[in-house]
C-alpha atoms as a PDB file:
ATOM      1  CA  UNK A   1      72.960 117.934  81.448  1.00  0.00           C
ATOM      2  CA  UNK A   2      72.581 121.683  81.661  1.00  0.00           C
ATOM      3  CA  UNK A   3      69.316 123.570  81.321  1.00  0.00           C
ATOM      4  CA  UNK A   4      68.999 125.365  77.983  1.00  0.00           C
ATOM      5  CA  UNK A   5      66.398 127.682  76.515  1.00  0.00           C
ATOM      6  CA  UNK A   6      63.799 126.013  74.333  1.00  0.00           C
ATOM      7  CA  UNK A   7      63.957 126.372  70.594  1.00  0.00           C
ATOM      8  CA  UNK A   8      65.388 124.826  67.492  1.00  0.00           C
ATOM      9  CA  UNK A   9      68.762 123.204  67.866  1.00  0.00           C
ATOM     10  CA  UNK A  10      70.787 121.381  65.250  1.00  0.00           C
ATOM     11  CA  UNK A  11      71.646 117.737  65.765  1.00  0.00           C
ATOM     12  CA  UNK A  12      74.941 116.897  67.478  1.00  0.00           C
ATOM     13  CA  UNK A  13      76.651 116.148  64.204  1.00  0.00           C
ATOM     14  CA  UNK A  14      75.698 119.559  62.756  1.00  0.00           C
ATOM     15  CA  UNK A  15      76.605 121.740  65.768  1.00  0.00           C
ATOM     16  CA  UNK A  16      80.060 122.630  64.457  1.00  0.00           C
ATOM     17  CA  UNK A  17      78.922 122.901  60.827  1.00  0.00           C
ATOM     18  CA  UNK A  18      79.276 126.333  59.270  1.00  0.00           C
ATOM     19  CA  UNK A  19      76.175 125.865  57.189  1.00  0.00           C
ATOM     20  CA  UNK A  20      73.573 124.553  59.629  1.00  0.00           C
ATOM     21  CA  UNK A  21      75.181 125.045  63.010  1.00  0.00           C
ATOM     22  CA  UNK A  22      75.913 128.721  62.543  1.00  0.00           C
ATOM     23  CA  UNK A  23      72.335 129.583  61.552  1.00  0.00           C
ATOM     24  CA  UNK A  24      70.899 128.193  64.747  1.00  0.00           C
ATOM     25  CA  UNK A  25      73.426 129.633  67.177  1.00  0.00           C
ATOM     26  CA  UNK A  26      73.422 133.178  65.765  1.00  0.00           C
ATOM     27  CA  UNK A  27      76.949 134.040  66.852  1.00  0.00           C
ATOM     28  CA  UNK A  28      76.618 133.140  70.539  1.00  0.00           C
ATOM     29  CA  UNK A  29      79.147 130.936  72.212  1.00  0.00           C
ATOM     30  CA  UNK A  30      77.766 127.866  73.898  1.00  0.00           C
ATOM     31  CA  UNK A  31      77.384 128.194  77.676  1.00  0.00           C
ATOM     32  CA  UNK A  32      77.499 124.466  78.307  1.00  0.00           C
ATOM     33  CA  UNK A  33      80.805 123.340  79.697  1.00  0.00           C
ATOM     34  CA  UNK A  34      81.299 119.652  80.182  1.00  0.00           C
ATOM     35  CA  UNK A  35      82.823 118.906  83.573  1.00  0.00           C
ATOM     36  CA  UNK A  36      84.737 115.695  84.062  1.00  0.00           C
ATOM     37  CA  UNK A  37      83.910 114.484  87.580  1.00  0.00           C
ATOM     38  CA  UNK A  38      85.819 111.204  87.403  1.00  0.00           C
ATOM     39  CA  UNK A  39      89.065 112.663  88.895  1.00  0.00           C
ATOM     40  CA  UNK A  40      87.110 114.275  91.728  1.00  0.00           C
ATOM     41  CA  UNK A  41      85.327 111.020  92.546  1.00  0.00           C
ATOM     42  CA  UNK A  42      88.674 109.199  92.508  1.00  0.00           C
ATOM     43  CA  UNK A  43      90.195 111.740  94.872  1.00  0.00           C
ATOM     44  CA  UNK A  44      87.244 111.579  97.268  1.00  0.00           C
ATOM     45  CA  UNK A  45      87.428 107.783  97.267  1.00  0.00           C
ATOM     46  CA  UNK A  46      91.118 107.920  98.143  1.00  0.00           C
ATOM     47  CA  UNK A  47      90.455 110.407 100.960  1.00  0.00           C
ATOM     48  CA  UNK A  48      87.681 108.268 102.426  1.00  0.00           C
ATOM     49  CA  UNK A  49      89.864 105.146 102.336  1.00  0.00           C
ATOM     50  CA  UNK A  50      92.761 107.029 103.969  1.00  0.00           C
ATOM     51  CA  UNK A  51      90.561 108.420 106.741  1.00  0.00           C
ATOM     52  CA  UNK A  52      88.993 105.030 107.421  1.00  0.00           C
ATOM     53  CA  UNK A  53      92.437 103.454 107.755  1.00  0.00           C
ATOM     54  CA  UNK A  54      93.569 106.158 110.184  1.00  0.00           C
ATOM     55  CA  UNK A  55      90.425 105.970 112.314  1.00  0.00           C
ATOM     56  CA  UNK A  56      90.667 104.135 115.612  1.00  0.00           C
ATOM     57  CA  UNK A  57      87.394 103.017 117.162  1.00  0.00           C
ATOM     58  CA  UNK A  58      88.877 102.658 120.632  1.00  0.00           C
ATOM     59  CA  UNK A  59      90.900 105.868 120.546  1.00  0.00           C
ATOM     60  CA  UNK A  60      94.589 106.192 121.228  1.00  0.00           C
ATOM     61  CA  UNK A  61      95.062 107.135 124.851  1.00  0.00           C
ATOM     62  CA  UNK A  62      98.629 105.924 125.248  1.00  0.00           C
ATOM     63  CA  UNK A  63     101.522 107.288 123.256  1.00  0.00           C
ATOM     64  CA  UNK A  64     104.028 104.483 122.764  1.00  0.00           C
ATOM     65  CA  UNK A  65     107.632 105.563 123.295  1.00  0.00           C
ATOM     66  CA  UNK A  66     109.903 104.237 120.559  1.00  0.00           C
ATOM     67  CA  UNK A  67     112.581 103.021 122.981  1.00  0.00           C
ATOM     68  CA  UNK A  68     110.171 101.265 125.388  1.00  0.00           C
ATOM     69  CA  UNK A  69     109.430  97.601 124.744  1.00  0.00           C
ATOM     70  CA  UNK A  70     106.350  96.695 126.752  1.00  0.00           C
ATOM     71  CA  UNK A  71     105.834  93.261 128.306  1.00  0.00           C
ATOM     72  CA  UNK A  72     103.091  91.023 126.947  1.00  0.00           C
ATOM     73  CA  UNK A  73      99.862  90.174 128.780  1.00  0.00           C
ATOM     74  CA  UNK A  74      97.090  87.736 128.010  1.00  0.00           C
ATOM     75  CA  UNK A  75      94.331  89.271 130.128  1.00  0.00           C
ATOM     76  CA  UNK A  76      94.056  93.007 130.485  1.00  0.00           C
ATOM     77  CA  UNK A  77      91.641  95.868 130.286  1.00  0.00           C
ATOM     78  CA  UNK A  78      91.527  98.979 128.139  1.00  0.00           C
ATOM     79  CA  UNK A  79      93.681 101.875 129.271  1.00  0.00           C
ATOM     80  CA  UNK A  80      91.911 104.989 130.511  1.00  0.00           C
ATOM     81  CA  UNK A  81      93.202 108.483 129.685  1.00  0.00           C
ATOM     82  CA  UNK A  82      95.642 109.590 132.376  1.00  0.00           C
ATOM     83  CA  UNK A  83      99.164 111.018 132.685  1.00  0.00           C
ATOM     84  CA  UNK A  84     101.722 108.565 131.326  1.00  0.00           C
ATOM     85  CA  UNK A  85     105.098 107.827 132.927  1.00  0.00           C
ATOM     86  CA  UNK A  86     107.413 106.051 130.481  1.00  0.00           C
ATOM     87  CA  UNK A  87     110.507 104.305 131.851  1.00  0.00           C
ATOM     88  CA  UNK A  88     112.993 103.357 129.149  1.00  0.00           C
ATOM     89  CA  UNK A  89     116.508 101.993 129.555  1.00  0.00           C
ATOM     90  CA  UNK A  90     117.875 105.571 129.477  1.00  0.00           C
ATOM     91  CA  UNK A  91     115.333 107.993 130.904  1.00  0.00           C
ATOM     92  CA  UNK A  92     112.062 108.604 132.732  1.00  0.00           C
ATOM     93  CA  UNK A  93     109.532 110.657 130.757  1.00  0.00           C
ATOM     94  CA  UNK A  94     106.193 112.103 131.918  1.00  0.00           C
ATOM     95  CA  UNK A  95     103.761 112.939 129.083  1.00  0.00           C
ATOM     96  CA  UNK A  96     106.601 113.628 126.667  1.00  0.00           C
ATOM     97  CA  UNK A  97     108.860 115.590 129.044  1.00  0.00           C
ATOM     98  CA  UNK A  98     112.076 114.060 130.404  1.00  0.00           C
ATOM     99  CA  UNK A  99     112.314 114.212 134.192  1.00  0.00           C
ATOM    100  CA  UNK A 100     115.245 111.913 135.086  1.00  0.00           C
ATOM    101  CA  UNK A 101     118.013 109.699 133.738  1.00  0.00           C
ATOM    102  CA  UNK A 102     117.895 106.031 134.706  1.00  0.00           C
ATOM    103  CA  UNK A 103     121.691 105.942 135.109  1.00  0.00           C
ATOM    104  CA  UNK A 104     121.535 108.750 137.704  1.00  0.00           C
ATOM    105  CA  UNK A 105     118.705 106.999 139.557  1.00  0.00           C
ATOM    106  CA  UNK A 106     120.658 103.737 139.554  1.00  0.00           C
ATOM    107  CA  UNK A 107     123.796 105.436 140.967  1.00  0.00           C
ATOM    108  CA  UNK A 108     121.882 107.078 143.831  1.00  0.00           C
ATOM    109  CA  UNK A 109     120.313 104.250 145.856  1.00  0.00           C
ATOM    110  CA  UNK A 110     119.604 106.527 148.870  1.00  0.00           C
ATOM    111  CA  UNK A 111     116.097 107.954 148.715  1.00  0.00           C
ATOM    112  CA  UNK A 112     113.156 106.383 146.970  1.00  0.00           C
ATOM    113  CA  UNK A 113     111.559 109.577 145.728  1.00  0.00           C
ATOM    114  CA  UNK A 114     112.316 111.316 142.425  1.00  0.00           C
ATOM    115  CA  UNK A 115     111.650 115.046 143.059  1.00  0.00           C
ATOM    116  CA  UNK A 116     111.402 116.061 139.378  1.00  0.00           C
ATOM    117  CA  UNK A 117     108.846 113.313 138.729  1.00  0.00           C
ATOM    118  CA  UNK A 118     106.791 114.331 141.751  1.00  0.00           C
ATOM    119  CA  UNK A 119     106.804 117.973 140.649  1.00  0.00           C
ATOM    120  CA  UNK A 120     105.736 117.114 137.104  1.00  0.00           C
ATOM    121  CA  UNK A 121     102.883 114.917 138.370  1.00  0.00           C
ATOM    122  CA  UNK A 122     101.735 117.690 140.715  1.00  0.00           C
ATOM    123  CA  UNK A 123     101.640 120.042 137.715  1.00  0.00           C
ATOM    124  CA  UNK A 124      99.473 117.493 135.890  1.00  0.00           C
ATOM    125  CA  UNK A 125      97.112 117.406 138.902  1.00  0.00           C
ATOM    126  CA  UNK A 126      96.887 121.223 138.920  1.00  0.00           C
ATOM    127  CA  UNK A 127      96.102 121.113 135.214  1.00  0.00           C
ATOM    128  CA  UNK A 128      93.371 118.529 135.826  1.00  0.00           C
ATOM    129  CA  UNK A 129      91.924 120.678 138.656  1.00  0.00           C
ATOM    130  CA  UNK A 130      91.883 123.751 136.392  1.00  0.00           C
ATOM    131  CA  UNK A 131      90.130 121.896 133.574  1.00  0.00           C
ATOM    132  CA  UNK A 132      87.489 120.393 135.879  1.00  0.00           C
ATOM    133  CA  UNK A 133      86.932 123.384 138.184  1.00  0.00           C
ATOM    134  CA  UNK A 134      83.542 124.165 136.634  1.00  0.00           C
ATOM    135  CA  UNK A 135      82.332 120.567 137.093  1.00  0.00           C
ATOM    136  CA  UNK A 136      82.201 119.791 140.836  1.00  0.00           C
ATOM    137  CA  UNK A 137      80.605 116.380 140.202  1.00  0.00           C
ATOM    138  CA  UNK A 138      83.779 115.013 138.623  1.00  0.00           C
ATOM    139  CA  UNK A 139      86.060 113.402 141.201  1.00  0.00           C
ATOM    140  CA  UNK A 140      89.805 113.076 140.713  1.00  0.00           C
ATOM    141  CA  UNK A 141      90.792 109.424 140.906  1.00  0.00           C
ATOM    142  CA  UNK A 142      94.608 109.725 141.018  1.00  0.00           C
ATOM    143  CA  UNK A 143      95.152 107.489 138.002  1.00  0.00           C
ATOM    144  CA  UNK A 144      98.530 107.227 136.250  1.00  0.00           C
ATOM    145  CA  UNK A 145      99.649 104.911 133.436  1.00  0.00           C
ATOM    146  CA  UNK A 146     103.167 103.492 133.678  1.00  0.00           C
ATOM    147  CA  UNK A 147     105.019 102.199 130.627  1.00  0.00           C
ATOM    148  CA  UNK A 148     108.068 100.293 131.810  1.00  0.00           C
ATOM    149  CA  UNK A 149     110.540  98.643 129.461  1.00  0.00           C
ATOM    150  CA  UNK A 150     111.043  94.907 129.970  1.00  0.00           C
ATOM    151  CA  UNK A 151     114.744  95.366 130.769  1.00  0.00           C
ATOM    152  CA  UNK A 152     114.343  98.118 133.408  1.00  0.00           C
ATOM    153  CA  UNK A 153     115.276  96.857 136.898  1.00  0.00           C
ATOM    154  CA  UNK A 154     112.516  96.733 139.461  1.00  0.00           C
ATOM    155  CA  UNK A 155     114.330  99.121 141.815  1.00  0.00           C
ATOM    156  CA  UNK A 156     113.788 101.905 139.245  1.00  0.00           C
ATOM    157  CA  UNK A 157     110.113 100.978 138.784  1.00  0.00           C
ATOM    158  CA  UNK A 158     109.754 100.915 142.588  1.00  0.00           C
ATOM    159  CA  UNK A 159     111.140 104.458 142.829  1.00  0.00           C
ATOM    160  CA  UNK A 160     108.737 105.651 140.143  1.00  0.00           C
ATOM    161  CA  UNK A 161     105.803 104.005 141.933  1.00  0.00           C
ATOM    162  CA  UNK A 162     106.828 105.599 145.240  1.00  0.00           C
ATOM    163  CA  UNK A 163     107.138 109.037 143.628  1.00  0.00           C
ATOM    164  CA  UNK A 164     103.700 108.650 142.051  1.00  0.00           C
ATOM    165  CA  UNK A 165     102.255 107.833 145.473  1.00  0.00           C
ATOM    166  CA  UNK A 166     103.939 110.844 147.100  1.00  0.00           C
ATOM    167  CA  UNK A 167     102.503 113.093 144.356  1.00  0.00           C
ATOM    168  CA  UNK A 168      98.996 111.754 145.103  1.00  0.00           C
ATOM    169  CA  UNK A 169      98.609 109.219 142.306  1.00  0.00           C
ATOM    170  CA  UNK A 170      97.545 106.031 144.077  1.00  0.00           C
ATOM    171  CA  UNK A 171      95.867 104.211 141.163  1.00  0.00           C
ATOM    172  CA  UNK A 172      98.646 102.781 139.030  1.00  0.00           C
ATOM    173  CA  UNK A 173      98.093 101.040 135.702  1.00  0.00           C
ATOM    174  CA  UNK A 174     100.968  99.226 134.043  1.00  0.00           C
ATOM    175  CA  UNK A 175     100.807  99.207 130.265  1.00  0.00           C
ATOM    176  CA  UNK A 176     101.367  95.895 128.517  1.00  0.00           C
ATOM    177  CA  UNK A 177     100.860  94.631 124.985  1.00  0.00           C
ATOM    178  CA  UNK A 178      97.777  92.488 124.598  1.00  0.00           C
ATOM    179  CA  UNK A 179      98.987  89.237 123.002  1.00  0.00           C
ATOM    180  CA  UNK A 180      95.734  88.658 121.117  1.00  0.00           C
ATOM    181  CA  UNK A 181      95.353  92.038 119.380  1.00  0.00           C
ATOM    182  CA  UNK A 182      98.763  93.703 119.595  1.00  0.00           C
ATOM    183  CA  UNK A 183      97.292  96.846 121.205  1.00  0.00           C
ATOM    184  CA  UNK A 184      98.168  98.327 124.569  1.00  0.00           C
ATOM    185  CA  UNK A 185      96.243  97.115 127.595  1.00  0.00           C
ATOM    186  CA  UNK A 186      96.486  98.052 131.239  1.00  0.00           C
ATOM    187  CA  UNK A 187      97.214  95.751 134.106  1.00  0.00           C
ATOM    188  CA  UNK A 188      96.743  96.889 137.670  1.00  0.00           C
ATOM    189  CA  UNK A 189      99.464  96.075 140.221  1.00  0.00           C
ATOM    190  CA  UNK A 190      97.245  93.599 142.080  1.00  0.00           C
ATOM    191  CA  UNK A 191      95.586  91.886 139.128  1.00  0.00           C
ATOM    192  CA  UNK A 192      96.020  91.060 135.461  1.00  0.00           C
END
């Protein structure tokens, strides 16, 4: 209810009357405007529900490629933020950028290294060094997350692992789907 000046006012039923209502108002238009807040409350409720549904308490640190079908694991640990190497049936992608075709890697069984992958991972390390240059207490741990499709042959995964090691990434985490929750979990090469 709005604040009004004190004085005589006609009853609600006489406010629009020409006889009694006009005498009290004296030609002024009413300054009270009724505001309907029900639509605003409805909209705010919808926004809150939408934002709560989109909120992730654990945080998404692993972008799932649409053409990569991860293996399932029963015991795993949460994935830490790190550069992600995705190996699908067609290509090898590092943090969203294609670096090699699986068909070309399969045809060339000579060397184990993948030069484009090594170069891209070295760029990621330079980026990490630049971001953390003002914090000397933070130590680089050489962590990389690998998403490998279930159908990819091990010889391709082996080449990716070798290239990661040559680029200085010695801590490898393999992404797998946690059977219990359906979220991504990491398994280390030696455990899990």
